[in-house]
N, C-alpha and C. Protein backbone atom coordinates (compact mmCIF):
# COMPACT_ATOMS: atom_id res chain seq x y z
N MET A 1 40.58 -45.99 25.80
CA MET A 1 40.42 -44.67 26.30
C MET A 1 40.31 -43.65 25.16
N ARG A 2 41.11 -43.87 24.13
CA ARG A 2 41.05 -42.98 22.97
C ARG A 2 39.68 -43.03 22.31
N ILE A 3 39.11 -44.17 22.25
CA ILE A 3 37.79 -44.31 21.62
C ILE A 3 36.74 -43.56 22.42
N ILE A 4 36.82 -43.61 23.72
CA ILE A 4 35.85 -42.92 24.57
C ILE A 4 36.00 -41.40 24.39
N VAL A 5 37.22 -40.89 24.36
CA VAL A 5 37.46 -39.47 24.17
C VAL A 5 36.98 -39.05 22.79
N ARG A 6 37.27 -39.87 21.80
CA ARG A 6 36.84 -39.56 20.43
C ARG A 6 35.33 -39.53 20.33
N ASN A 7 34.65 -40.49 20.92
CA ASN A 7 33.19 -40.52 20.91
C ASN A 7 32.62 -39.30 21.64
N ALA A 8 33.26 -38.88 22.70
CA ALA A 8 32.80 -37.71 23.45
C ALA A 8 32.92 -36.45 22.61
N ARG A 9 34.04 -36.35 21.86
CA ARG A 9 34.22 -35.19 20.98
C ARG A 9 33.16 -35.16 19.88
N VAL A 10 32.88 -36.31 19.28
CA VAL A 10 31.88 -36.40 18.22
C VAL A 10 30.52 -36.01 18.76
N ASN A 11 30.16 -36.53 19.95
CA ASN A 11 28.87 -36.19 20.56
C ASN A 11 28.79 -34.69 20.86
N LEU A 12 29.89 -34.12 21.35
CA LEU A 12 29.92 -32.69 21.65
C LEU A 12 29.74 -31.87 20.38
N MET A 13 30.39 -32.24 19.30
CA MET A 13 30.28 -31.51 18.03
C MET A 13 28.86 -31.63 17.46
N GLU A 14 28.24 -32.80 17.61
CA GLU A 14 26.88 -32.97 17.13
C GLU A 14 25.91 -32.10 17.92
N ARG A 15 26.11 -32.01 19.22
CA ARG A 15 25.25 -31.16 20.05
C ARG A 15 25.43 -29.69 19.70
N VAL A 16 26.67 -29.27 19.46
CA VAL A 16 26.93 -27.87 19.08
C VAL A 16 26.27 -27.57 17.74
N ARG A 17 26.38 -28.48 16.78
CA ARG A 17 25.75 -28.26 15.47
C ARG A 17 24.23 -28.18 15.59
N SER A 18 23.65 -29.04 16.37
CA SER A 18 22.19 -29.01 16.51
C SER A 18 21.73 -27.73 17.21
N LYS A 19 22.47 -27.28 18.23
CA LYS A 19 22.12 -26.02 18.89
C LYS A 19 22.30 -24.84 17.94
N PHE A 20 23.37 -24.86 17.15
CA PHE A 20 23.61 -23.81 16.17
C PHE A 20 22.46 -23.76 15.16
N LEU A 21 22.01 -24.92 14.70
CA LEU A 21 20.91 -25.00 13.75
C LEU A 21 19.62 -24.45 14.37
N ILE A 22 19.34 -24.81 15.61
CA ILE A 22 18.14 -24.32 16.29
C ILE A 22 18.20 -22.80 16.46
N VAL A 23 19.34 -22.28 16.88
CA VAL A 23 19.49 -20.83 17.06
C VAL A 23 19.35 -20.12 15.71
N SER A 24 19.94 -20.64 14.66
CA SER A 24 19.87 -20.02 13.33
C SER A 24 18.44 -19.97 12.82
N VAL A 25 17.72 -21.07 12.93
CA VAL A 25 16.33 -21.11 12.49
C VAL A 25 15.48 -20.15 13.32
N SER A 26 15.71 -20.09 14.62
CA SER A 26 14.95 -19.19 15.49
C SER A 26 15.20 -17.73 15.11
N LEU A 27 16.44 -17.37 14.85
CA LEU A 27 16.75 -16.00 14.44
C LEU A 27 16.10 -15.64 13.11
N MET A 28 16.10 -16.58 12.18
CA MET A 28 15.45 -16.32 10.89
C MET A 28 13.95 -16.11 11.07
N LEU A 29 13.31 -16.90 11.91
CA LEU A 29 11.87 -16.72 12.15
C LEU A 29 11.58 -15.38 12.81
N VAL A 30 12.39 -15.00 13.78
CA VAL A 30 12.22 -13.70 14.43
C VAL A 30 12.39 -12.57 13.42
N ALA A 31 13.38 -12.68 12.55
CA ALA A 31 13.62 -11.65 11.52
C ALA A 31 12.43 -11.56 10.57
N ILE A 32 11.88 -12.70 10.16
CA ILE A 32 10.73 -12.70 9.26
C ILE A 32 9.52 -12.06 9.94
N LEU A 33 9.27 -12.41 11.18
CA LEU A 33 8.14 -11.83 11.91
C LEU A 33 8.33 -10.33 12.11
N PHE A 34 9.53 -9.89 12.42
CA PHE A 34 9.80 -8.48 12.62
C PHE A 34 9.60 -7.69 11.33
N LEU A 35 10.14 -8.20 10.23
CA LEU A 35 9.99 -7.52 8.95
C LEU A 35 8.53 -7.47 8.52
N ASN A 36 7.80 -8.52 8.76
CA ASN A 36 6.39 -8.54 8.40
C ASN A 36 5.62 -7.52 9.24
N HIS A 37 5.91 -7.42 10.51
CA HIS A 37 5.23 -6.47 11.37
C HIS A 37 5.60 -5.02 11.01
N ALA A 38 6.86 -4.79 10.70
CA ALA A 38 7.31 -3.44 10.33
C ALA A 38 6.63 -2.98 9.05
N GLY A 39 6.38 -3.88 8.11
CA GLY A 39 5.72 -3.52 6.87
C GLY A 39 4.28 -3.12 7.06
N THR A 40 3.58 -3.71 8.00
CA THR A 40 2.18 -3.37 8.19
C THR A 40 2.01 -2.03 8.88
N ALA A 41 2.97 -1.60 9.66
CA ALA A 41 2.84 -0.31 10.33
C ALA A 41 2.88 0.83 9.33
N VAL A 42 3.64 0.70 8.27
CA VAL A 42 3.76 1.74 7.25
C VAL A 42 2.53 1.78 6.36
N ALA A 43 1.79 0.69 6.29
CA ALA A 43 0.65 0.60 5.38
C ALA A 43 -0.49 1.54 5.75
N ASN A 44 -0.51 2.09 6.94
CA ASN A 44 -1.61 2.94 7.37
C ASN A 44 -1.29 4.43 7.25
N VAL A 45 -0.30 4.78 6.46
CA VAL A 45 0.02 6.18 6.20
C VAL A 45 -1.05 6.71 5.24
N PRO A 46 -1.57 7.93 5.44
CA PRO A 46 -2.60 8.46 4.54
C PRO A 46 -2.07 8.67 3.12
N THR A 47 -2.99 8.76 2.16
CA THR A 47 -2.64 8.98 0.76
C THR A 47 -3.54 10.05 0.18
N VAL A 48 -2.94 11.04 -0.48
CA VAL A 48 -3.72 12.05 -1.20
C VAL A 48 -4.10 11.44 -2.55
N LEU A 49 -5.40 11.16 -2.73
CA LEU A 49 -5.87 10.50 -3.94
C LEU A 49 -6.02 11.47 -5.11
N GLN A 50 -6.51 12.67 -4.81
CA GLN A 50 -6.84 13.58 -5.90
C GLN A 50 -6.79 15.03 -5.42
N ILE A 51 -6.36 15.93 -6.31
CA ILE A 51 -6.44 17.36 -6.08
C ILE A 51 -7.33 17.93 -7.18
N VAL A 52 -8.39 18.65 -6.79
CA VAL A 52 -9.31 19.23 -7.75
C VAL A 52 -9.29 20.75 -7.59
N ASN A 53 -9.19 21.45 -8.70
CA ASN A 53 -9.20 22.91 -8.70
C ASN A 53 -10.64 23.39 -8.56
N ILE A 54 -10.95 24.15 -7.51
CA ILE A 54 -12.27 24.75 -7.35
C ILE A 54 -12.12 26.27 -7.23
N SER A 55 -11.16 26.83 -7.96
CA SER A 55 -10.84 28.26 -7.89
C SER A 55 -11.96 29.11 -8.44
N ILE A 56 -12.07 30.31 -7.90
CA ILE A 56 -13.01 31.32 -8.38
C ILE A 56 -12.16 32.41 -9.01
N SER A 57 -12.40 32.70 -10.28
CA SER A 57 -11.53 33.67 -10.96
C SER A 57 -12.27 34.97 -11.24
N SER A 58 -11.49 36.03 -11.34
CA SER A 58 -11.98 37.33 -11.79
C SER A 58 -10.95 37.86 -12.77
N ASP A 59 -11.22 39.01 -13.36
CA ASP A 59 -10.29 39.56 -14.35
C ASP A 59 -8.98 39.99 -13.73
N VAL A 60 -8.99 40.47 -12.49
CA VAL A 60 -7.81 41.05 -11.88
C VAL A 60 -6.97 40.02 -11.14
N GLU A 61 -7.60 39.24 -10.29
CA GLU A 61 -6.84 38.30 -9.47
C GLU A 61 -7.55 36.96 -9.41
N GLN A 62 -6.86 35.98 -8.92
CA GLN A 62 -7.35 34.61 -8.86
C GLN A 62 -7.36 34.14 -7.40
N ALA A 63 -8.52 33.74 -6.88
CA ALA A 63 -8.62 33.15 -5.54
C ALA A 63 -8.45 31.64 -5.70
N PHE A 64 -7.33 31.11 -5.28
CA PHE A 64 -7.03 29.70 -5.48
C PHE A 64 -7.62 28.86 -4.37
N LYS A 65 -8.48 27.92 -4.76
CA LYS A 65 -9.04 26.96 -3.81
C LYS A 65 -8.92 25.58 -4.43
N ILE A 66 -8.61 24.60 -3.57
CA ILE A 66 -8.51 23.23 -4.04
C ILE A 66 -9.32 22.32 -3.12
N ARG A 67 -9.73 21.19 -3.68
CA ARG A 67 -10.39 20.15 -2.90
C ARG A 67 -9.50 18.91 -2.97
N LEU A 68 -9.13 18.39 -1.80
CA LEU A 68 -8.30 17.19 -1.73
C LEU A 68 -9.17 16.00 -1.33
N GLU A 69 -8.94 14.88 -1.97
CA GLU A 69 -9.55 13.62 -1.54
C GLU A 69 -8.43 12.79 -0.94
N ILE A 70 -8.60 12.40 0.33
CA ILE A 70 -7.55 11.70 1.07
C ILE A 70 -8.12 10.41 1.61
N THR A 71 -7.34 9.34 1.51
CA THR A 71 -7.73 8.07 2.12
C THR A 71 -6.82 7.80 3.30
N HIS A 72 -7.44 7.29 4.39
CA HIS A 72 -6.70 6.95 5.59
C HIS A 72 -7.50 5.87 6.32
N GLN A 73 -6.96 4.68 6.37
CA GLN A 73 -7.69 3.54 6.91
C GLN A 73 -7.95 3.68 8.40
N SER A 74 -9.12 3.24 8.81
CA SER A 74 -9.53 3.14 10.21
C SER A 74 -9.36 4.45 11.00
N PRO A 75 -9.96 5.55 10.53
CA PRO A 75 -9.85 6.78 11.31
C PRO A 75 -10.66 6.66 12.61
N SER A 76 -10.18 7.30 13.64
CA SER A 76 -10.87 7.31 14.94
C SER A 76 -10.48 8.59 15.66
N PRO A 77 -11.07 8.87 16.81
CA PRO A 77 -10.68 10.08 17.55
C PRO A 77 -9.22 10.08 18.00
N THR A 78 -8.59 8.91 18.03
CA THR A 78 -7.18 8.84 18.44
C THR A 78 -6.24 8.52 17.29
N HIS A 79 -6.76 8.28 16.08
CA HIS A 79 -5.96 7.93 14.91
C HIS A 79 -6.56 8.63 13.70
N TYR A 80 -5.93 9.73 13.25
CA TYR A 80 -6.52 10.54 12.20
C TYR A 80 -5.45 11.39 11.51
N VAL A 81 -5.85 12.02 10.41
CA VAL A 81 -4.98 12.98 9.70
C VAL A 81 -5.06 14.29 10.47
N ASP A 82 -3.94 14.72 11.03
CA ASP A 82 -3.95 15.93 11.84
C ASP A 82 -3.39 17.16 11.12
N MET A 83 -2.72 16.94 9.97
CA MET A 83 -2.09 18.06 9.28
C MET A 83 -2.04 17.75 7.78
N ILE A 84 -2.24 18.78 6.99
CA ILE A 84 -2.08 18.68 5.53
C ILE A 84 -1.12 19.77 5.11
N GLU A 85 -0.15 19.41 4.30
CA GLU A 85 0.78 20.39 3.72
C GLU A 85 0.49 20.51 2.24
N VAL A 86 0.42 21.74 1.77
CA VAL A 86 0.23 22.03 0.36
C VAL A 86 1.40 22.88 -0.09
N GLN A 87 2.02 22.46 -1.17
CA GLN A 87 3.15 23.20 -1.71
C GLN A 87 2.70 23.90 -2.98
N VAL A 88 2.81 25.24 -2.99
CA VAL A 88 2.40 26.07 -4.13
C VAL A 88 3.65 26.77 -4.65
N ASN A 89 4.07 26.40 -5.84
CA ASN A 89 5.27 26.98 -6.45
C ASN A 89 6.46 26.93 -5.50
N GLY A 90 6.60 25.83 -4.76
CA GLY A 90 7.73 25.64 -3.87
C GLY A 90 7.55 26.15 -2.44
N ALA A 91 6.53 26.99 -2.20
CA ALA A 91 6.25 27.50 -0.85
C ALA A 91 5.23 26.58 -0.17
N THR A 92 5.53 26.16 1.05
CA THR A 92 4.68 25.20 1.76
C THR A 92 3.76 25.91 2.74
N GLN A 93 2.48 25.50 2.72
CA GLN A 93 1.49 25.99 3.67
C GLN A 93 0.96 24.79 4.45
N GLN A 94 0.75 24.94 5.75
CA GLN A 94 0.22 23.87 6.58
C GLN A 94 -1.20 24.19 7.01
N PHE A 95 -2.05 23.15 7.04
CA PHE A 95 -3.44 23.27 7.44
C PHE A 95 -3.73 22.21 8.48
N SER A 96 -4.09 22.64 9.70
CA SER A 96 -4.45 21.71 10.77
C SER A 96 -5.81 21.10 10.49
N GLN A 97 -6.00 19.85 10.93
CA GLN A 97 -7.24 19.13 10.69
C GLN A 97 -7.82 18.58 11.99
N GLN A 98 -9.14 18.47 12.02
CA GLN A 98 -9.84 17.82 13.12
C GLN A 98 -9.96 16.33 12.79
N PRO A 99 -10.17 15.46 13.79
CA PRO A 99 -10.31 14.02 13.52
C PRO A 99 -11.42 13.73 12.50
N GLN A 100 -11.16 12.80 11.59
CA GLN A 100 -12.11 12.41 10.56
C GLN A 100 -12.87 11.15 11.00
N THR A 101 -14.05 10.97 10.41
CA THR A 101 -14.84 9.78 10.72
C THR A 101 -15.07 8.90 9.51
N THR A 102 -14.67 9.36 8.32
CA THR A 102 -14.90 8.57 7.11
C THR A 102 -13.59 8.34 6.37
N ASP A 103 -13.60 7.32 5.53
CA ASP A 103 -12.46 7.01 4.67
C ASP A 103 -13.00 6.62 3.31
N PRO A 104 -12.69 7.33 2.24
CA PRO A 104 -11.88 8.55 2.16
C PRO A 104 -12.69 9.77 2.62
N PHE A 105 -11.99 10.88 2.77
CA PHE A 105 -12.64 12.14 3.14
C PHE A 105 -12.11 13.24 2.25
N THR A 106 -12.86 14.35 2.16
CA THR A 106 -12.44 15.48 1.34
C THR A 106 -12.23 16.71 2.22
N VAL A 107 -11.32 17.55 1.77
CA VAL A 107 -10.98 18.79 2.47
C VAL A 107 -10.89 19.89 1.42
N GLU A 108 -11.53 21.03 1.68
CA GLU A 108 -11.40 22.19 0.81
C GLU A 108 -10.46 23.19 1.47
N LEU A 109 -9.46 23.63 0.72
CA LEU A 109 -8.45 24.53 1.26
C LEU A 109 -8.36 25.79 0.41
N ASP A 110 -8.29 26.94 1.07
CA ASP A 110 -8.12 28.23 0.41
C ASP A 110 -6.63 28.55 0.40
N LEU A 111 -6.06 28.65 -0.78
CA LEU A 111 -4.63 28.91 -0.92
C LEU A 111 -4.31 30.39 -1.05
N GLY A 112 -5.33 31.23 -0.99
CA GLY A 112 -5.10 32.67 -1.09
C GLY A 112 -5.16 33.16 -2.52
N THR A 113 -4.74 34.39 -2.70
CA THR A 113 -4.79 35.03 -4.01
C THR A 113 -3.42 34.96 -4.67
N LEU A 114 -3.40 34.46 -5.88
CA LEU A 114 -2.16 34.36 -6.66
C LEU A 114 -2.42 34.83 -8.07
N GLN A 115 -1.38 35.22 -8.75
CA GLN A 115 -1.48 35.62 -10.15
C GLN A 115 -0.93 34.51 -11.02
N GLY A 116 -1.59 34.24 -12.12
CA GLY A 116 -1.10 33.23 -13.06
C GLY A 116 -1.41 31.81 -12.63
N THR A 117 -0.66 30.89 -13.19
CA THR A 117 -0.86 29.48 -12.92
C THR A 117 0.15 29.01 -11.87
N ALA A 118 -0.32 28.24 -10.90
CA ALA A 118 0.54 27.75 -9.82
C ALA A 118 0.68 26.23 -9.92
N GLU A 119 1.86 25.73 -9.57
CA GLU A 119 2.11 24.29 -9.48
C GLU A 119 1.81 23.87 -8.05
N VAL A 120 0.89 22.92 -7.88
CA VAL A 120 0.41 22.54 -6.54
C VAL A 120 0.57 21.04 -6.33
N LYS A 121 1.05 20.67 -5.13
CA LYS A 121 1.06 19.27 -4.70
C LYS A 121 0.78 19.25 -3.20
N ALA A 122 0.36 18.09 -2.69
CA ALA A 122 -0.05 18.02 -1.29
C ALA A 122 0.37 16.69 -0.68
N ARG A 123 0.40 16.67 0.67
CA ARG A 123 0.63 15.45 1.43
C ARG A 123 -0.11 15.56 2.76
N ALA A 124 -0.36 14.40 3.37
CA ALA A 124 -1.14 14.36 4.62
C ALA A 124 -0.31 13.71 5.72
N HIS A 125 -0.57 14.11 6.97
CA HIS A 125 0.16 13.59 8.12
C HIS A 125 -0.79 12.86 9.06
N CYS A 126 -0.48 11.59 9.35
CA CYS A 126 -1.22 10.81 10.33
C CYS A 126 -0.59 11.06 11.70
N ASN A 127 -1.42 11.26 12.72
CA ASN A 127 -0.88 11.56 14.04
C ASN A 127 -0.11 10.38 14.65
N ILE A 128 -0.25 9.18 14.07
CA ILE A 128 0.48 8.01 14.57
C ILE A 128 1.56 7.54 13.59
N HIS A 129 1.23 7.47 12.30
CA HIS A 129 2.12 6.85 11.32
C HIS A 129 2.96 7.83 10.49
N GLY A 130 2.72 9.12 10.61
CA GLY A 130 3.59 10.09 9.94
C GLY A 130 3.08 10.56 8.59
N TRP A 131 4.01 11.13 7.80
CA TRP A 131 3.69 11.79 6.53
C TRP A 131 3.49 10.81 5.40
N SER A 132 2.58 11.16 4.50
CA SER A 132 2.42 10.43 3.24
C SER A 132 3.46 10.95 2.25
N ASP A 133 3.52 10.32 1.09
CA ASP A 133 4.34 10.85 0.00
C ASP A 133 3.61 12.06 -0.59
N TRP A 134 4.34 12.89 -1.32
CA TRP A 134 3.72 14.02 -2.01
C TRP A 134 2.86 13.49 -3.14
N SER A 135 1.75 14.17 -3.40
CA SER A 135 0.87 13.81 -4.50
C SER A 135 1.50 14.23 -5.82
N GLN A 136 0.81 13.91 -6.90
CA GLN A 136 1.23 14.40 -8.21
C GLN A 136 1.04 15.91 -8.24
N THR A 137 1.89 16.62 -8.97
CA THR A 137 1.79 18.07 -9.10
C THR A 137 0.75 18.40 -10.17
N ILE A 138 -0.14 19.35 -9.86
CA ILE A 138 -1.10 19.82 -10.86
C ILE A 138 -0.93 21.32 -11.02
N ALA A 139 -1.38 21.84 -12.15
CA ALA A 139 -1.37 23.28 -12.40
C ALA A 139 -2.74 23.83 -12.01
N VAL A 140 -2.77 24.87 -11.18
CA VAL A 140 -4.02 25.51 -10.77
C VAL A 140 -3.96 26.94 -11.24
N PRO A 141 -4.85 27.45 -12.04
CA PRO A 141 -5.94 26.69 -12.64
C PRO A 141 -5.40 25.76 -13.72
N GLU A 142 -6.07 24.62 -13.86
CA GLU A 142 -5.60 23.64 -14.83
C GLU A 142 -5.72 24.16 -16.26
N PHE A 143 -6.76 24.94 -16.53
CA PHE A 143 -6.96 25.54 -17.84
C PHE A 143 -7.17 27.04 -17.62
N PRO A 144 -6.22 27.88 -18.04
CA PRO A 144 -6.36 29.33 -17.84
C PRO A 144 -7.66 29.85 -18.47
N THR A 145 -8.30 30.79 -17.82
CA THR A 145 -9.59 31.33 -18.24
C THR A 145 -9.52 31.89 -19.66
N VAL A 146 -8.46 32.61 -19.97
CA VAL A 146 -8.31 33.21 -21.29
C VAL A 146 -8.28 32.13 -22.38
N ALA A 147 -7.58 31.04 -22.13
CA ALA A 147 -7.50 29.96 -23.11
C ALA A 147 -8.85 29.29 -23.31
N VAL A 148 -9.61 29.09 -22.24
CA VAL A 148 -10.92 28.45 -22.34
C VAL A 148 -11.88 29.34 -23.12
N VAL A 149 -11.92 30.63 -22.82
CA VAL A 149 -12.82 31.56 -23.50
C VAL A 149 -12.45 31.66 -24.98
N THR A 150 -11.18 31.79 -25.29
CA THR A 150 -10.72 31.91 -26.67
C THR A 150 -11.07 30.66 -27.47
N SER A 151 -10.79 29.49 -26.93
CA SER A 151 -11.09 28.26 -27.67
C SER A 151 -12.59 28.06 -27.83
N THR A 152 -13.40 28.47 -26.85
CA THR A 152 -14.86 28.36 -26.97
C THR A 152 -15.37 29.27 -28.08
N LEU A 153 -14.86 30.50 -28.17
CA LEU A 153 -15.28 31.42 -29.23
C LEU A 153 -14.89 30.89 -30.61
N ILE A 154 -13.70 30.36 -30.74
CA ILE A 154 -13.25 29.83 -32.03
C ILE A 154 -14.11 28.65 -32.45
N MET A 155 -14.39 27.75 -31.52
CA MET A 155 -15.22 26.58 -31.84
C MET A 155 -16.64 27.01 -32.23
N THR A 156 -17.20 28.00 -31.55
CA THR A 156 -18.55 28.48 -31.87
C THR A 156 -18.57 29.08 -33.28
N MET A 157 -17.57 29.88 -33.63
CA MET A 157 -17.49 30.47 -34.96
C MET A 157 -17.37 29.39 -36.03
N LEU A 158 -16.57 28.37 -35.79
CA LEU A 158 -16.41 27.30 -36.76
C LEU A 158 -17.71 26.52 -36.96
N VAL A 159 -18.45 26.28 -35.90
CA VAL A 159 -19.72 25.56 -36.01
C VAL A 159 -20.72 26.37 -36.82
N PHE A 160 -20.85 27.67 -36.54
CA PHE A 160 -21.78 28.50 -37.30
C PHE A 160 -21.37 28.61 -38.76
N ARG A 161 -20.10 28.71 -39.02
CA ARG A 161 -19.62 28.82 -40.40
C ARG A 161 -19.89 27.53 -41.16
N ALA A 162 -19.62 26.40 -40.53
CA ALA A 162 -19.88 25.12 -41.18
C ALA A 162 -21.38 24.93 -41.41
N GLY A 163 -22.21 25.39 -40.48
CA GLY A 163 -23.66 25.26 -40.62
C GLY A 163 -24.20 26.09 -41.76
N SER A 164 -23.63 27.25 -42.01
CA SER A 164 -24.12 28.10 -43.09
C SER A 164 -23.71 27.58 -44.46
N ARG A 165 -22.72 26.76 -44.56
CA ARG A 165 -22.26 26.21 -45.84
C ARG A 165 -22.97 24.92 -46.22
N LEU A 166 -23.75 24.36 -45.33
CA LEU A 166 -24.47 23.13 -45.64
C LEU A 166 -25.52 23.41 -46.70
N LYS A 167 -25.74 22.45 -47.60
CA LYS A 167 -26.77 22.60 -48.62
C LYS A 167 -28.12 22.43 -47.97
N ARG A 168 -29.00 23.32 -48.33
CA ARG A 168 -30.36 23.22 -47.81
C ARG A 168 -31.17 22.32 -48.73
N PRO A 169 -31.98 21.43 -48.16
CA PRO A 169 -32.81 20.57 -49.02
C PRO A 169 -33.87 21.40 -49.74
N PRO A 170 -34.25 20.98 -50.93
CA PRO A 170 -35.28 21.74 -51.66
C PRO A 170 -36.61 21.68 -50.92
N ALA A 171 -37.36 22.74 -51.03
CA ALA A 171 -38.66 22.82 -50.35
C ALA A 171 -39.64 21.91 -51.06
N VAL A 172 -40.47 21.23 -50.33
CA VAL A 172 -41.45 20.32 -50.92
C VAL A 172 -42.68 21.10 -51.34
N ARG A 173 -43.16 21.97 -50.49
CA ARG A 173 -44.34 22.77 -50.82
C ARG A 173 -43.90 24.19 -51.15
N GLY A 174 -44.59 24.77 -52.01
CA GLY A 174 -44.35 26.17 -52.33
C GLY A 174 -43.16 26.40 -53.21
N ASP A 175 -42.54 25.32 -53.70
CA ASP A 175 -41.40 25.47 -54.58
C ASP A 175 -41.94 25.55 -56.01
N LEU A 176 -41.89 26.72 -56.62
CA LEU A 176 -42.48 26.92 -57.93
C LEU A 176 -41.49 26.72 -59.05
N ARG A 177 -40.26 26.41 -58.76
CA ARG A 177 -39.26 26.25 -59.81
C ARG A 177 -39.51 25.02 -60.66
N HIS A 178 -40.15 24.04 -60.15
CA HIS A 178 -40.33 22.80 -60.93
C HIS A 178 -41.51 22.89 -61.90
N LEU A 179 -42.29 23.95 -61.91
CA LEU A 179 -43.42 24.08 -62.81
C LEU A 179 -43.06 24.52 -64.18
């Protein structure tokens, strides 16, 4: 009788171990599939690829305009970038967008009139997957007008000065010094 009870206990323990192993492996597979699926949903968040300064300047004030290049996979009338946020010197401006049909796409934004150089960064919002990360910060204008004009004048003066110091080759015809 003891042997029968002992064999029954061993069989019961083996069945419990095998069920535990099956449940453990099943849970691990479900976790792997869930994590893999969760990772792909985040992959379709838009990305701001580039910010380009297209500002128009005058002596008194600066009209700040930028062009953004944004990538967003598989845009459609139901899946698109619906909002762009631009941060200028810490102040955030929002720009609503219509559905896009291309990837990547460009957007030109008027940031208004500002004095001096502004620090600008941007991010895009997908109507399904949410906000992108902020782009790299750029200075707008990237090169102040005064600095560009001054350096151009200095370079022009140096070129003319160097050109006037070059030795001129002797004239072949009409040179009477050799007679």
